[in-house]
């Protein structure tokens, strides 16, 4: 499992990752994404998931926060960012540090 990366998302969004040598797993909807994540979580240390799938699966994805690996990170899809990934990052930083050091929203 050492150093292995994967991405789960729609075909257009994951295509460039395949060219970069990242294992790609297409999922067109939340049901398929959940199924794929259950399988790849046993094999990969870092898993990217497109925001359009991560947001509706947010409760399911919280289970991965309890262990060191895999790290699951949401990224924008080919259609662009919804801002969800940044929201999750901000929340994680605030939980870990107790303050908002990145975004400084006063």
PDB file of N, CA and C in Angstrom:
ATOM      1  N   UNK A   1       0.828  -1.197   0.000  1.00  0.00           N
ATOM      2  CA  UNK A   1       0.000   0.000   0.000  1.00  0.00           C
ATOM      3  C   UNK A   1       0.871   1.259   0.000  1.00  0.00           C
ATOM      4  N   UNK A   2       2.138   1.157   0.164  1.00  0.00           N
ATOM      5  CA  UNK A   2       3.009   2.307   0.333  1.00  0.00           C
ATOM      6  C   UNK A   2       2.994   3.252  -0.874  1.00  0.00           C
ATOM      7  N   UNK A   3       2.587   4.500  -0.638  1.00  0.00           N
ATOM      8  CA  UNK A   3       2.678   5.535  -1.636  1.00  0.00           C
ATOM      9  C   UNK A   3       1.721   5.446  -2.802  1.00  0.00           C
ATOM     10  N   UNK A   4       0.768   4.586  -2.757  1.00  0.00           N
ATOM     11  CA  UNK A   4      -0.131   4.414  -3.892  1.00  0.00           C
ATOM     12  C   UNK A   4      -1.248   5.445  -3.857  1.00  0.00           C
ATOM     13  N   UNK A   5      -1.563   5.991  -5.047  1.00  0.00           N
ATOM     14  CA  UNK A   5      -2.611   6.993  -5.170  1.00  0.00           C
ATOM     15  C   UNK A   5      -3.680   6.530  -6.147  1.00  0.00           C
ATOM     16  N   UNK A   6      -4.911   6.972  -5.860  1.00  0.00           N
ATOM     17  CA  UNK A   6      -6.036   6.659  -6.736  1.00  0.00           C
ATOM     18  C   UNK A   6      -6.945   7.873  -6.814  1.00  0.00           C
ATOM     19  N   UNK A   7      -7.787   7.891  -7.838  1.00  0.00           N
ATOM     20  CA  UNK A   7      -8.802   8.932  -7.957  1.00  0.00           C
ATOM     21  C   UNK A   7     -10.118   8.289  -8.361  1.00  0.00           C
ATOM     22  N   UNK A   8     -11.193   8.803  -7.752  1.00  0.00           N
ATOM     23  CA  UNK A   8     -12.548   8.355  -8.047  1.00  0.00           C
ATOM     24  C   UNK A   8     -13.310   9.564  -8.574  1.00  0.00           C
ATOM     25  N   UNK A   9     -13.954   9.412  -9.727  1.00  0.00           N
ATOM     26  CA  UNK A   9     -14.710  10.524 -10.290  1.00  0.00           C
ATOM     27  C   UNK A   9     -15.242  10.183 -11.664  1.00  0.00           C
ATOM     28  N   UNK A  10     -15.876  11.168 -12.291  1.00  0.00           N
ATOM     29  CA  UNK A  10     -16.402  10.945 -13.631  1.00  0.00           C
ATOM     30  C   UNK A  10     -15.257  10.823 -14.628  1.00  0.00           C
ATOM     31  N   UNK A  11     -15.517  10.188 -15.739  1.00  0.00           N
ATOM     32  CA  UNK A  11     -14.490   9.880 -16.723  1.00  0.00           C
ATOM     33  C   UNK A  11     -13.670  11.068 -17.193  1.00  0.00           C
ATOM     34  N   UNK A  12     -14.314  12.186 -17.490  1.00  0.00           N
ATOM     35  CA  UNK A  12     -13.589  13.362 -17.964  1.00  0.00           C
ATOM     36  C   UNK A  12     -12.655  13.931 -16.903  1.00  0.00           C
ATOM     37  N   UNK A  13     -13.083  13.869 -15.650  1.00  0.00           N
ATOM     38  CA  UNK A  13     -12.303  14.465 -14.560  1.00  0.00           C
ATOM     39  C   UNK A  13     -11.080  13.646 -14.190  1.00  0.00           C
ATOM     40  N   UNK A  14     -11.124  12.349 -14.407  1.00  0.00           N
ATOM     41  CA  UNK A  14     -10.014  11.501 -13.961  1.00  0.00           C
ATOM     42  C   UNK A  14      -9.031  11.156 -15.066  1.00  0.00           C
ATOM     43  N   UNK A  15      -9.360  11.483 -16.289  1.00  0.00           N
ATOM     44  CA  UNK A  15      -8.535  11.102 -17.438  1.00  0.00           C
ATOM     45  C   UNK A  15      -7.099  11.614 -17.337  1.00  0.00           C
ATOM     46  N   UNK A  16      -6.909  12.864 -16.956  1.00  0.00           N
ATOM     47  CA  UNK A  16      -5.562  13.440 -16.863  1.00  0.00           C
ATOM     48  C   UNK A  16      -4.742  12.739 -15.769  1.00  0.00           C
ATOM     49  N   UNK A  17      -5.385  12.269 -14.726  1.00  0.00           N
ATOM     50  CA  UNK A  17      -4.676  11.569 -13.656  1.00  0.00           C
ATOM     51  C   UNK A  17      -4.137  10.225 -14.153  1.00  0.00           C
ATOM     52  N   UNK A  18      -4.899   9.577 -15.013  1.00  0.00           N
ATOM     53  CA  UNK A  18      -4.451   8.303 -15.586  1.00  0.00           C
ATOM     54  C   UNK A  18      -3.155   8.500 -16.359  1.00  0.00           C
ATOM     55  N   UNK A  19      -3.077   9.587 -17.102  1.00  0.00           N
ATOM     56  CA  UNK A  19      -1.864   9.897 -17.865  1.00  0.00           C
ATOM     57  C   UNK A  19      -0.670  10.129 -16.946  1.00  0.00           C
ATOM     58  N   UNK A  20      -0.940  10.568 -15.715  1.00  0.00           N
ATOM     59  CA  UNK A  20       0.132  10.831 -14.748  1.00  0.00           C
ATOM     60  C   UNK A  20       0.474   9.596 -13.914  1.00  0.00           C
ATOM     61  N   UNK A  21      -0.165   8.464 -14.203  1.00  0.00           N
ATOM     62  CA  UNK A  21       0.162   7.231 -13.500  1.00  0.00           C
ATOM     63  C   UNK A  21      -0.638   6.969 -12.244  1.00  0.00           C
ATOM     64  N   UNK A  22      -1.673   7.750 -12.003  1.00  0.00           N
ATOM     65  CA  UNK A  22      -2.540   7.540 -10.842  1.00  0.00           C
ATOM     66  C   UNK A  22      -3.606   6.523 -11.229  1.00  0.00           C
ATOM     67  N   UNK A  23      -3.903   5.595 -10.337  1.00  0.00           N
ATOM     68  CA  UNK A  23      -4.948   4.607 -10.606  1.00  0.00           C
ATOM     69  C   UNK A  23      -6.300   5.325 -10.654  1.00  0.00           C
ATOM     70  N   UNK A  24      -7.051   5.091 -11.707  1.00  0.00           N
ATOM     71  CA  UNK A  24      -8.327   5.782 -11.898  1.00  0.00           C
ATOM     72  C   UNK A  24      -9.492   4.817 -11.752  1.00  0.00           C
ATOM     73  N   UNK A  25     -10.548   5.295 -11.098  1.00  0.00           N
ATOM     74  CA  UNK A  25     -11.744   4.503 -10.885  1.00  0.00           C
ATOM     75  C   UNK A  25     -12.955   5.361 -11.226  1.00  0.00           C
ATOM     76  N   UNK A  26     -13.558   5.110 -12.382  1.00  0.00           N
ATOM     77  CA  UNK A  26     -14.718   5.913 -12.779  1.00  0.00           C
ATOM     78  C   UNK A  26     -15.935   5.619 -11.918  1.00  0.00           C
ATOM     79  N   UNK A  27     -16.655   6.671 -11.592  1.00  0.00           N
ATOM     80  CA  UNK A  27     -17.913   6.556 -10.846  1.00  0.00           C
ATOM     81  C   UNK A  27     -18.783   7.729 -11.276  1.00  0.00           C
ATOM     82  N   UNK A  28     -19.899   7.443 -11.851  1.00  0.00           N
ATOM     83  CA  UNK A  28     -20.790   8.493 -12.366  1.00  0.00           C
ATOM     84  C   UNK A  28     -21.809   8.974 -11.329  1.00  0.00           C
ATOM     85  N   UNK A  29     -21.967   8.235 -10.229  1.00  0.00           N
ATOM     86  CA  UNK A  29     -22.924   8.657  -9.205  1.00  0.00           C
ATOM     87  C   UNK A  29     -22.415   8.264  -7.818  1.00  0.00           C
ATOM     88  N   UNK A  30     -23.123   8.732  -6.787  1.00  0.00           N
ATOM     89  CA  UNK A  30     -22.681   8.499  -5.403  1.00  0.00           C
ATOM     90  C   UNK A  30     -22.670   7.025  -5.037  1.00  0.00           C
ATOM     91  N   UNK A  31     -23.658   6.281  -5.514  1.00  0.00           N
ATOM     92  CA  UNK A  31     -23.738   4.853  -5.187  1.00  0.00           C
ATOM     93  C   UNK A  31     -22.494   4.112  -5.677  1.00  0.00           C
ATOM     94  N   UNK A  32     -22.126   4.364  -6.922  1.00  0.00           N
ATOM     95  CA  UNK A  32     -20.935   3.721  -7.487  1.00  0.00           C
ATOM     96  C   UNK A  32     -19.674   4.201  -6.775  1.00  0.00           C
ATOM     97  N   UNK A  33     -19.604   5.484  -6.452  1.00  0.00           N
ATOM     98  CA  UNK A  33     -18.435   6.040  -5.754  1.00  0.00           C
ATOM     99  C   UNK A  33     -18.256   5.393  -4.384  1.00  0.00           C
ATOM    100  N   UNK A  34     -19.341   5.199  -3.666  1.00  0.00           N
ATOM    101  CA  UNK A  34     -19.276   4.557  -2.340  1.00  0.00           C
ATOM    102  C   UNK A  34     -18.737   3.127  -2.484  1.00  0.00           C
ATOM    103  N   UNK A  35     -19.239   2.417  -3.455  1.00  0.00           N
ATOM    104  CA  UNK A  35     -18.809   1.045  -3.721  1.00  0.00           C
ATOM    105  C   UNK A  35     -17.318   0.997  -4.056  1.00  0.00           C
ATOM    106  N   UNK A  36     -16.883   1.880  -4.928  1.00  0.00           N
ATOM    107  CA  UNK A  36     -15.478   1.935  -5.335  1.00  0.00           C
ATOM    108  C   UNK A  36     -14.593   2.315  -4.147  1.00  0.00           C
ATOM    109  N   UNK A  37     -15.004   3.294  -3.368  1.00  0.00           N
ATOM    110  CA  UNK A  37     -14.206   3.726  -2.215  1.00  0.00           C
ATOM    111  C   UNK A  37     -14.002   2.592  -1.212  1.00  0.00           C
ATOM    112  N   UNK A  38     -15.030   1.815  -0.978  1.00  0.00           N
ATOM    113  CA  UNK A  38     -14.890   0.676  -0.055  1.00  0.00           C
ATOM    114  C   UNK A  38     -13.798  -0.272  -0.517  1.00  0.00           C
ATOM    115  N   UNK A  39     -13.717  -0.485  -1.818  1.00  0.00           N
ATOM    116  CA  UNK A  39     -12.710  -1.404  -2.359  1.00  0.00           C
ATOM    117  C   UNK A  39     -11.308  -0.797  -2.350  1.00  0.00           C
ATOM    118  N   UNK A  40     -11.168   0.420  -2.852  1.00  0.00           N
ATOM    119  CA  UNK A  40      -9.830   0.998  -3.002  1.00  0.00           C
ATOM    120  C   UNK A  40      -9.234   1.472  -1.684  1.00  0.00           C
ATOM    121  N   UNK A  41     -10.052   1.702  -0.674  1.00  0.00           N
ATOM    122  CA  UNK A  41      -9.535   2.158   0.626  1.00  0.00           C
ATOM    123  C   UNK A  41      -8.611   1.130   1.270  1.00  0.00           C
ATOM    124  N   UNK A  42      -8.763  -0.120   0.892  1.00  0.00           N
ATOM    125  CA  UNK A  42      -7.921  -1.186   1.444  1.00  0.00           C
ATOM    126  C   UNK A  42      -6.559  -1.252   0.755  1.00  0.00           C
ATOM    127  N   UNK A  43      -6.455  -0.603  -0.400  1.00  0.00           N
ATOM    128  CA  UNK A  43      -5.281  -0.780  -1.238  1.00  0.00           C
ATOM    129  C   UNK A  43      -4.449   0.484  -1.466  1.00  0.00           C
ATOM    130  N   UNK A  44      -5.050   1.664  -1.275  1.00  0.00           N
ATOM    131  CA  UNK A  44      -4.371   2.920  -1.620  1.00  0.00           C
ATOM    132  C   UNK A  44      -4.226   3.810  -0.394  1.00  0.00           C
ATOM    133  N   UNK A  45      -3.114   4.565  -0.339  1.00  0.00           N
ATOM    134  CA  UNK A  45      -2.868   5.473   0.778  1.00  0.00           C
ATOM    135  C   UNK A  45      -3.510   6.835   0.569  1.00  0.00           C
ATOM    136  N   UNK A  46      -3.537   7.296  -0.664  1.00  0.00           N
ATOM    137  CA  UNK A  46      -4.118   8.599  -0.974  1.00  0.00           C
ATOM    138  C   UNK A  46      -5.188   8.392  -2.035  1.00  0.00           C
ATOM    139  N   UNK A  47      -6.381   8.875  -1.724  1.00  0.00           N
ATOM    140  CA  UNK A  47      -7.494   8.751  -2.666  1.00  0.00           C
ATOM    141  C   UNK A  47      -8.091  10.129  -2.886  1.00  0.00           C
ATOM    142  N   UNK A  48      -8.092  10.556  -4.131  1.00  0.00           N
ATOM    143  CA  UNK A  48      -8.758  11.789  -4.505  1.00  0.00           C
ATOM    144  C   UNK A  48     -10.166  11.427  -4.968  1.00  0.00           C
ATOM    145  N   UNK A  49     -11.107  12.296  -4.660  1.00  0.00           N
ATOM    146  CA  UNK A  49     -12.478  12.110  -5.125  1.00  0.00           C
ATOM    147  C   UNK A  49     -12.986  13.467  -5.585  1.00  0.00           C
ATOM    148  N   UNK A  50     -13.676  13.489  -6.704  1.00  0.00           N
ATOM    149  CA  UNK A  50     -14.155  14.766  -7.223  1.00  0.00           C
ATOM    150  C   UNK A  50     -15.233  15.341  -6.308  1.00  0.00           C
ATOM    151  N   UNK A  51     -15.258  16.667  -6.225  1.00  0.00           N
ATOM    152  CA  UNK A  51     -16.178  17.367  -5.326  1.00  0.00           C
ATOM    153  C   UNK A  51     -17.637  16.992  -5.557  1.00  0.00           C
ATOM    154  N   UNK A  52     -18.016  16.806  -6.809  1.00  0.00           N
ATOM    155  CA  UNK A  52     -19.413  16.493  -7.095  1.00  0.00           C
ATOM    156  C   UNK A  52     -19.842  15.157  -6.489  1.00  0.00           C
ATOM    157  N   UNK A  53     -18.902  14.266  -6.207  1.00  0.00           N
ATOM    158  CA  UNK A  53     -19.208  13.006  -5.533  1.00  0.00           C
ATOM    159  C   UNK A  53     -18.926  13.089  -4.030  1.00  0.00           C
ATOM    160  N   UNK A  54     -17.928  13.862  -3.646  1.00  0.00           N
ATOM    161  CA  UNK A  54     -17.548  13.956  -2.240  1.00  0.00           C
ATOM    162  C   UNK A  54     -18.620  14.622  -1.381  1.00  0.00           C
ATOM    163  N   UNK A  55     -19.222  15.676  -1.895  1.00  0.00           N
ATOM    164  CA  UNK A  55     -20.199  16.410  -1.087  1.00  0.00           C
ATOM    165  C   UNK A  55     -21.377  15.539  -0.657  1.00  0.00           C
ATOM    166  N   UNK A  56     -22.032  14.806  -1.566  1.00  0.00           N
ATOM    167  CA  UNK A  56     -23.137  13.970  -1.107  1.00  0.00           C
ATOM    168  C   UNK A  56     -22.681  12.777  -0.258  1.00  0.00           C
ATOM    169  N   UNK A  57     -21.408  12.451  -0.299  1.00  0.00           N
ATOM    170  CA  UNK A  57     -20.887  11.337   0.493  1.00  0.00           C
ATOM    171  C   UNK A  57     -20.160  11.815   1.751  1.00  0.00           C
ATOM    172  N   UNK A  58     -20.367  13.049   2.151  1.00  0.00           N
ATOM    173  CA  UNK A  58     -19.589  13.627   3.255  1.00  0.00           C
ATOM    174  C   UNK A  58     -19.692  12.806   4.537  1.00  0.00           C
ATOM    175  N   UNK A  59     -20.863  12.310   4.884  1.00  0.00           N
ATOM    176  CA  UNK A  59     -20.988  11.490   6.099  1.00  0.00           C
ATOM    177  C   UNK A  59     -20.214  10.185   5.961  1.00  0.00           C
ATOM    178  N   UNK A  60     -20.289   9.556   4.807  1.00  0.00           N
ATOM    179  CA  UNK A  60     -19.552   8.320   4.549  1.00  0.00           C
ATOM    180  C   UNK A  60     -18.048   8.568   4.616  1.00  0.00           C
ATOM    181  N   UNK A  61     -17.581   9.695   4.085  1.00  0.00           N
ATOM    182  CA  UNK A  61     -16.148   9.996   4.036  1.00  0.00           C
ATOM    183  C   UNK A  61     -15.558  10.279   5.415  1.00  0.00           C
ATOM    184  N   UNK A  62     -16.390  10.660   6.375  1.00  0.00           N
ATOM    185  CA  UNK A  62     -15.891  10.954   7.730  1.00  0.00           C
ATOM    186  C   UNK A  62     -15.243   9.738   8.373  1.00  0.00           C
ATOM    187  N   UNK A  63     -15.647   8.547   7.973  1.00  0.00           N
ATOM    188  CA  UNK A  63     -15.049   7.331   8.551  1.00  0.00           C
ATOM    189  C   UNK A  63     -13.556   7.241   8.260  1.00  0.00           C
ATOM    190  N   UNK A  64     -13.118   7.854   7.169  1.00  0.00           N
ATOM    191  CA  UNK A  64     -11.704   7.802   6.815  1.00  0.00           C
ATOM    192  C   UNK A  64     -10.870   8.757   7.660  1.00  0.00           C
ATOM    193  N   UNK A  65     -11.504   9.696   8.342  1.00  0.00           N
ATOM    194  CA  UNK A  65     -10.794  10.625   9.223  1.00  0.00           C
ATOM    195  C   UNK A  65     -10.295   9.937  10.492  1.00  0.00           C
ATOM    196  N   UNK A  66     -10.834   8.768  10.794  1.00  0.00           N
ATOM    197  CA  UNK A  66     -10.503   8.069  12.033  1.00  0.00           C
ATOM    198  C   UNK A  66      -9.177   7.317  11.964  1.00  0.00           C
ATOM    199  N   UNK A  67      -8.666   7.091  10.771  1.00  0.00           N
ATOM    200  CA  UNK A  67      -7.422   6.347  10.580  1.00  0.00           C
ATOM    201  C   UNK A  67      -6.405   7.221   9.846  1.00  0.00           C
ATOM    202  N   UNK A  68      -5.149   6.855   9.973  1.00  0.00           N
ATOM    203  CA  UNK A  68      -4.103   7.610   9.277  1.00  0.00           C
ATOM    204  C   UNK A  68      -4.195   7.445   7.763  1.00  0.00           C
ATOM    205  N   UNK A  69      -4.522   6.241   7.311  1.00  0.00           N
ATOM    206  CA  UNK A  69      -4.631   5.956   5.883  1.00  0.00           C
ATOM    207  C   UNK A  69      -5.891   5.166   5.611  1.00  0.00           C
ATOM    208  N   UNK A  70      -6.487   5.400   4.488  1.00  0.00           N
ATOM    209  CA  UNK A  70      -6.106   6.303   3.423  1.00  0.00           C
ATOM    210  C   UNK A  70      -6.509   7.743   3.732  1.00  0.00           C
ATOM    211  N   UNK A  71      -5.800   8.660   3.129  1.00  0.00           N
ATOM    212  CA  UNK A  71      -6.173  10.070   3.161  1.00  0.00           C
ATOM    213  C   UNK A  71      -7.095  10.287   1.961  1.00  0.00           C
ATOM    214  N   UNK A  72      -8.283  10.795   2.221  1.00  0.00           N
ATOM    215  CA  UNK A  72      -9.246  11.051   1.148  1.00  0.00           C
ATOM    216  C   UNK A  72      -9.400  12.555   0.998  1.00  0.00           C
ATOM    217  N   UNK A  73      -9.099  13.052  -0.187  1.00  0.00           N
ATOM    218  CA  UNK A  73      -9.149  14.493  -0.444  1.00  0.00           C
ATOM    219  C   UNK A  73     -10.049  14.770  -1.638  1.00  0.00           C
ATOM    220  N   UNK A  74     -10.921  15.757  -1.490  1.00  0.00           N
ATOM    221  CA  UNK A  74     -11.788  16.120  -2.612  1.00  0.00           C
ATOM    222  C   UNK A  74     -11.105  17.171  -3.472  1.00  0.00           C
ATOM    223  N   UNK A  75     -11.315  17.033  -4.772  1.00  0.00           N
ATOM    224  CA  UNK A  75     -10.721  17.945  -5.745  1.00  0.00           C
ATOM    225  C   UNK A  75     -11.797  18.377  -6.732  1.00  0.00           C
ATOM    226  N   UNK A  76     -11.605  19.492  -7.407  1.00  0.00           N
ATOM    227  CA  UNK A  76     -12.590  19.920  -8.407  1.00  0.00           C
ATOM    228  C   UNK A  76     -12.710  18.905  -9.538  1.00  0.00           C
ATOM    229  N   UNK A  77     -13.889  18.837 -10.120  1.00  0.00           N
ATOM    230  CA  UNK A  77     -14.085  17.972 -11.284  1.00  0.00           C
ATOM    231  C   UNK A  77     -13.752  18.765 -12.547  1.00  0.00           C
ATOM    232  N   UNK A  78     -13.893  18.134 -13.681  1.00  0.00           N
ATOM    233  CA  UNK A  78     -13.619  18.809 -14.951  1.00  0.00           C
ATOM    234  C   UNK A  78     -14.536  20.011 -15.145  1.00  0.00           C
ATOM    235  N   UNK A  79     -15.699  20.001 -14.488  1.00  0.00           N
ATOM    236  CA  UNK A  79     -16.643  21.107 -14.592  1.00  0.00           C
ATOM    237  C   UNK A  79     -16.282  22.310 -13.740  1.00  0.00           C
ATOM    238  N   UNK A  80     -15.253  22.198 -12.919  1.00  0.00           N
ATOM    239  CA  UNK A  80     -14.826  23.312 -12.067  1.00  0.00           C
ATOM    240  C   UNK A  80     -15.097  23.047 -10.600  1.00  0.00           C
ATOM    241  N   UNK A  81     -14.654  23.939  -9.769  1.00  0.00           N
ATOM    242  CA  UNK A  81     -14.784  23.795  -8.326  1.00  0.00           C
ATOM    243  C   UNK A  81     -16.133  24.296  -7.830  1.00  0.00           C
ATOM    244  N   UNK A  82     -16.663  23.581  -6.846  1.00  0.00           N
ATOM    245  CA  UNK A  82     -17.875  24.021  -6.167  1.00  0.00           C
ATOM    246  C   UNK A  82     -17.527  24.734  -4.865  1.00  0.00           C
ATOM    247  N   UNK A  83     -16.259  24.666  -4.469  1.00  0.00           N
ATOM    248  CA  UNK A  83     -15.822  25.246  -3.204  1.00  0.00           C
ATOM    249  C   UNK A  83     -15.879  24.259  -2.055  1.00  0.00           C
ATOM    250  N   UNK A  84     -16.431  23.083  -2.307  1.00  0.00           N
ATOM    251  CA  UNK A  84     -16.585  22.090  -1.239  1.00  0.00           C
ATOM    252  C   UNK A  84     -15.230  21.629  -0.692  1.00  0.00           C
ATOM    253  N   UNK A  85     -14.273  21.381  -1.564  1.00  0.00           N
ATOM    254  CA  UNK A  85     -12.954  20.929  -1.125  1.00  0.00           C
ATOM    255  C   UNK A  85     -12.287  21.926  -0.192  1.00  0.00           C
ATOM    256  N   UNK A  86     -12.405  23.204  -0.499  1.00  0.00           N
ATOM    257  CA  UNK A  86     -11.832  24.246   0.358  1.00  0.00           C
ATOM    258  C   UNK A  86     -12.550  24.316   1.704  1.00  0.00           C
ATOM    259  N   UNK A  87     -13.863  24.109   1.702  1.00  0.00           N
ATOM    260  CA  UNK A  87     -14.626  24.083   2.955  1.00  0.00           C
ATOM    261  C   UNK A  87     -14.128  22.968   3.863  1.00  0.00           C
ATOM    262  N   UNK A  88     -13.910  21.794   3.288  1.00  0.00           N
ATOM    263  CA  UNK A  88     -13.435  20.645   4.061  1.00  0.00           C
ATOM    264  C   UNK A  88     -12.030  20.903   4.592  1.00  0.00           C
ATOM    265  N   UNK A  89     -11.162  21.465   3.761  1.00  0.00           N
ATOM    266  CA  UNK A  89      -9.800  21.782   4.184  1.00  0.00           C
ATOM    267  C   UNK A  89      -9.809  22.797   5.327  1.00  0.00           C
ATOM    268  N   UNK A  90     -10.614  23.825   5.195  1.00  0.00           N
ATOM    269  CA  UNK A  90     -10.709  24.854   6.238  1.00  0.00           C
ATOM    270  C   UNK A  90     -11.185  24.243   7.553  1.00  0.00           C
ATOM    271  N   UNK A  91     -12.188  23.412   7.486  1.00  0.00           N
ATOM    272  CA  UNK A  91     -12.722  22.771   8.681  1.00  0.00           C
ATOM    273  C   UNK A  91     -11.676  21.879   9.341  1.00  0.00           C
ATOM    274  N   UNK A  92     -10.946  21.110   8.542  1.00  0.00           N
ATOM    275  CA  UNK A  92      -9.906  20.226   9.083  1.00  0.00           C
ATOM    276  C   UNK A  92      -8.794  21.021   9.748  1.00  0.00           C
ATOM    277  N   UNK A  93      -8.399  22.128   9.129  1.00  0.00           N
ATOM    278  CA  UNK A  93      -7.351  22.973   9.707  1.00  0.00           C
ATOM    279  C   UNK A  93      -7.804  23.578  11.036  1.00  0.00           C
ATOM    280  N   UNK A  94      -9.044  24.029  11.079  1.00  0.00           N
ATOM    281  CA  UNK A  94      -9.557  24.612  12.319  1.00  0.00           C
ATOM    282  C   UNK A  94      -9.640  23.572  13.424  1.00  0.00           C
ATOM    283  N   UNK A  95     -10.049  22.339  13.073  1.00  0.00           N
ATOM    284  CA  UNK A  95     -10.110  21.261  14.071  1.00  0.00           C
ATOM    285  C   UNK A  95      -8.722  20.930  14.588  1.00  0.00           C
ATOM    286  N   UNK A  96      -7.756  20.855  13.687  1.00  0.00           N
ATOM    287  CA  UNK A  96      -6.402  20.458  14.066  1.00  0.00           C
ATOM    288  C   UNK A  96      -5.673  21.533  14.844  1.00  0.00           C
ATOM    289  N   UNK A  97      -5.850  22.801  14.442  1.00  0.00           N
ATOM    290  CA  UNK A  97      -5.073  23.886  15.031  1.00  0.00           C
ATOM    291  C   UNK A  97      -5.848  24.780  15.981  1.00  0.00           C
ATOM    292  N   UNK A  98      -7.158  24.737  15.861  1.00  0.00           N
ATOM    293  CA  UNK A  98      -7.987  25.588  16.713  1.00  0.00           C
ATOM    294  C   UNK A  98      -8.187  26.987  16.169  1.00  0.00           C
ATOM    295  N   UNK A  99      -7.544  27.311  15.061  1.00  0.00           N
ATOM    296  CA  UNK A  99      -7.687  28.641  14.444  1.00  0.00           C
ATOM    297  C   UNK A  99      -7.664  28.496  12.934  1.00  0.00           C
ATOM    298  N   UNK A 100      -8.143  29.527  12.269  1.00  0.00           N
ATOM    299  CA  UNK A 100      -8.142  29.565  10.808  1.00  0.00           C
ATOM    300  C   UNK A 100      -6.882  30.303  10.351  1.00  0.00           C
ATOM    301  N   UNK A 101      -5.856  29.549   9.941  1.00  0.00           N
ATOM    302  CA  UNK A 101      -4.599  30.176   9.536  1.00  0.00           C
ATOM    303  C   UNK A 101      -4.509  30.379   8.027  1.00  0.00           C
ATOM    304  N   UNK A 102      -5.404  29.759   7.267  1.00  0.00           N
ATOM    305  CA  UNK A 102      -5.322  29.844   5.810  1.00  0.00           C
ATOM    306  C   UNK A 102      -6.193  30.921   5.208  1.00  0.00           C
ATOM    307  N   UNK A 103      -7.398  31.039   5.697  1.00  0.00           N
ATOM    308  CA  UNK A 103      -8.390  31.860   5.004  1.00  0.00           C
ATOM    309  C   UNK A 103      -8.692  33.179   5.695  1.00  0.00           C
ATOM    310  N   UNK A 104      -8.392  33.289   6.952  1.00  0.00           N
ATOM    311  CA  UNK A 104      -8.554  34.530   7.723  1.00  0.00           C
ATOM    312  C   UNK A 104      -9.887  35.219   7.505  1.00  0.00           C
ATOM    313  N   UNK A 105     -10.952  34.445   7.573  1.00  0.00           N
ATOM    314  CA  UNK A 105     -12.286  35.048   7.446  1.00  0.00           C
ATOM    315  C   UNK A 105     -12.713  35.607   8.785  1.00  0.00           C
ATOM    316  N   UNK A 106     -12.618  36.870   8.951  1.00  0.00           N
ATOM    317  CA  UNK A 106     -12.984  37.538  10.214  1.00  0.00           C
ATOM    318  C   UNK A 106     -14.414  38.010  10.159  1.00  0.00           C
TER     319      UNK A 106
END
